[in-house]
């Protein structure tokens, strides 16, 4: 008994296709649509500023909010790491 190759299989039925696509928006199936979904999440979080001009869409990072996040959460840890590297350099040079 020979196994059927993928090319000899019949295409999926329209009923199966409708069922597998249920609950999805048409844009969610493409890379572009998924990117827009992610940008929408970032826009709601105010990390991205979106400007629309006709058919064009311009996406900008909200630098002020990102800087506030950096200052609040990253800067204290970065300062400690830089101090450690400075001490290591000083110890290696002496």
C-alpha atoms as a PDB file:
ATOM      1  CA  UNK A   1       0.000   0.000   0.000  1.00  0.00           C
ATOM      2  CA  UNK A   2       1.538   3.290  -1.106  1.00  0.00           C
ATOM      3  CA  UNK A   3       1.220   6.455   0.948  1.00  0.00           C
ATOM      4  CA  UNK A   4      -0.347   9.436  -0.761  1.00  0.00           C
ATOM      5  CA  UNK A   5       2.011  12.324  -1.283  1.00  0.00           C
ATOM      6  CA  UNK A   6       1.028  15.823  -0.239  1.00  0.00           C
ATOM      7  CA  UNK A   7       0.582  16.847  -3.876  1.00  0.00           C
ATOM      8  CA  UNK A   8      -1.947  14.072  -4.590  1.00  0.00           C
ATOM      9  CA  UNK A   9      -4.241  15.007  -1.703  1.00  0.00           C
ATOM     10  CA  UNK A  10      -7.406  16.896  -2.553  1.00  0.00           C
ATOM     11  CA  UNK A  11      -7.575  20.505  -1.353  1.00  0.00           C
ATOM     12  CA  UNK A  12      -9.371  21.113   1.951  1.00  0.00           C
ATOM     13  CA  UNK A  13     -13.106  21.529   1.694  1.00  0.00           C
ATOM     14  CA  UNK A  14     -14.637  25.019   1.897  1.00  0.00           C
ATOM     15  CA  UNK A  15     -16.407  23.973   5.119  1.00  0.00           C
ATOM     16  CA  UNK A  16     -13.088  23.116   6.757  1.00  0.00           C
ATOM     17  CA  UNK A  17     -11.561  26.375   5.586  1.00  0.00           C
ATOM     18  CA  UNK A  18     -14.463  28.447   6.962  1.00  0.00           C
ATOM     19  CA  UNK A  19     -14.161  26.645  10.290  1.00  0.00           C
ATOM     20  CA  UNK A  20     -10.418  27.191  10.526  1.00  0.00           C
ATOM     21  CA  UNK A  21     -10.798  30.888   9.685  1.00  0.00           C
ATOM     22  CA  UNK A  22     -13.632  31.455  12.181  1.00  0.00           C
ATOM     23  CA  UNK A  23     -12.916  34.185  14.675  1.00  0.00           C
ATOM     24  CA  UNK A  24     -10.094  35.711  12.694  1.00  0.00           C
ATOM     25  CA  UNK A  25     -10.216  39.074  11.046  1.00  0.00           C
ATOM     26  CA  UNK A  26      -9.003  39.113   7.428  1.00  0.00           C
ATOM     27  CA  UNK A  27      -5.957  41.216   8.338  1.00  0.00           C
ATOM     28  CA  UNK A  28      -4.844  38.860  11.129  1.00  0.00           C
ATOM     29  CA  UNK A  29      -3.789  36.224   8.589  1.00  0.00           C
ATOM     30  CA  UNK A  30      -0.964  38.287   7.107  1.00  0.00           C
ATOM     31  CA  UNK A  31       2.314  39.574   8.501  1.00  0.00           C
ATOM     32  CA  UNK A  32       1.170  43.122   7.772  1.00  0.00           C
ATOM     33  CA  UNK A  33      -2.052  42.624   9.699  1.00  0.00           C
ATOM     34  CA  UNK A  34      -0.193  41.179  12.678  1.00  0.00           C
ATOM     35  CA  UNK A  35       2.223  44.110  12.649  1.00  0.00           C
ATOM     36  CA  UNK A  36      -0.750  46.485  12.697  1.00  0.00           C
ATOM     37  CA  UNK A  37      -2.214  44.605  15.648  1.00  0.00           C
ATOM     38  CA  UNK A  38       1.046  44.975  17.574  1.00  0.00           C
ATOM     39  CA  UNK A  39       1.256  48.652  16.677  1.00  0.00           C
ATOM     40  CA  UNK A  40      -2.290  49.061  17.955  1.00  0.00           C
ATOM     41  CA  UNK A  41      -1.277  47.620  21.323  1.00  0.00           C
ATOM     42  CA  UNK A  42       1.748  49.942  21.463  1.00  0.00           C
ATOM     43  CA  UNK A  43      -0.467  52.876  20.490  1.00  0.00           C
ATOM     44  CA  UNK A  44      -2.903  52.117  23.335  1.00  0.00           C
ATOM     45  CA  UNK A  45       0.077  52.000  25.722  1.00  0.00           C
ATOM     46  CA  UNK A  46       1.165  55.375  24.270  1.00  0.00           C
ATOM     47  CA  UNK A  47       4.598  53.981  23.336  1.00  0.00           C
ATOM     48  CA  UNK A  48       3.973  54.718  19.647  1.00  0.00           C
ATOM     49  CA  UNK A  49       2.494  57.845  18.101  1.00  0.00           C
ATOM     50  CA  UNK A  50       0.661  57.236  14.829  1.00  0.00           C
ATOM     51  CA  UNK A  51      -0.044  59.978  12.308  1.00  0.00           C
ATOM     52  CA  UNK A  52      -2.189  59.357   9.253  1.00  0.00           C
ATOM     53  CA  UNK A  53      -1.918  61.408   6.082  1.00  0.00           C
ATOM     54  CA  UNK A  54      -4.309  60.134   3.433  1.00  0.00           C
ATOM     55  CA  UNK A  55      -3.336  56.549   2.673  1.00  0.00           C
ATOM     56  CA  UNK A  56      -0.017  56.862   4.497  1.00  0.00           C
ATOM     57  CA  UNK A  57       0.593  55.983   8.108  1.00  0.00           C
ATOM     58  CA  UNK A  58       3.599  57.303  10.012  1.00  0.00           C
ATOM     59  CA  UNK A  59       4.671  55.521  13.202  1.00  0.00           C
ATOM     60  CA  UNK A  60       6.896  57.319  15.700  1.00  0.00           C
ATOM     61  CA  UNK A  61       8.286  56.182  19.034  1.00  0.00           C
ATOM     62  CA  UNK A  62       7.085  58.248  21.981  1.00  0.00           C
ATOM     63  CA  UNK A  63      10.569  59.150  23.162  1.00  0.00           C
ATOM     64  CA  UNK A  64       9.435  61.028  26.270  1.00  0.00           C
ATOM     65  CA  UNK A  65       7.507  58.061  27.633  1.00  0.00           C
ATOM     66  CA  UNK A  66      10.351  55.663  26.792  1.00  0.00           C
ATOM     67  CA  UNK A  67      12.792  57.982  28.597  1.00  0.00           C
ATOM     68  CA  UNK A  68      10.527  58.038  31.671  1.00  0.00           C
ATOM     69  CA  UNK A  69      10.423  54.227  31.656  1.00  0.00           C
ATOM     70  CA  UNK A  70      14.227  54.150  31.318  1.00  0.00           C
ATOM     71  CA  UNK A  71      14.730  56.626  34.148  1.00  0.00           C
ATOM     72  CA  UNK A  72      12.336  54.760  36.440  1.00  0.00           C
ATOM     73  CA  UNK A  73      13.253  51.124  35.776  1.00  0.00           C
ATOM     74  CA  UNK A  74      16.554  50.845  33.897  1.00  0.00           C
ATOM     75  CA  UNK A  75      18.703  53.746  35.055  1.00  0.00           C
ATOM     76  CA  UNK A  76      19.237  52.531  38.655  1.00  0.00           C
ATOM     77  CA  UNK A  77      20.485  49.166  37.387  1.00  0.00           C
ATOM     78  CA  UNK A  78      22.587  50.729  34.626  1.00  0.00           C
ATOM     79  CA  UNK A  79      24.275  53.049  37.124  1.00  0.00           C
ATOM     80  CA  UNK A  80      25.263  50.112  39.310  1.00  0.00           C
ATOM     81  CA  UNK A  81      26.617  48.201  36.302  1.00  0.00           C
ATOM     82  CA  UNK A  82      28.646  51.186  35.095  1.00  0.00           C
ATOM     83  CA  UNK A  83      30.073  51.700  38.584  1.00  0.00           C
ATOM     84  CA  UNK A  84      31.078  48.030  38.705  1.00  0.00           C
ATOM     85  CA  UNK A  85      32.787  48.262  35.303  1.00  0.00           C
ATOM     86  CA  UNK A  86      34.596  51.428  36.398  1.00  0.00           C
ATOM     87  CA  UNK A  87      35.900  49.692  39.548  1.00  0.00           C
ATOM     88  CA  UNK A  88      36.985  46.668  37.500  1.00  0.00           C
ATOM     89  CA  UNK A  89      38.871  48.900  35.063  1.00  0.00           C
ATOM     90  CA  UNK A  90      40.552  50.774  37.917  1.00  0.00           C
ATOM     91  CA  UNK A  91      41.543  47.484  39.643  1.00  0.00           C
ATOM     92  CA  UNK A  92      42.955  46.028  36.423  1.00  0.00           C
ATOM     93  CA  UNK A  93      44.981  49.132  35.683  1.00  0.00           C
ATOM     94  CA  UNK A  94      46.618  49.297  39.129  1.00  0.00           C
END
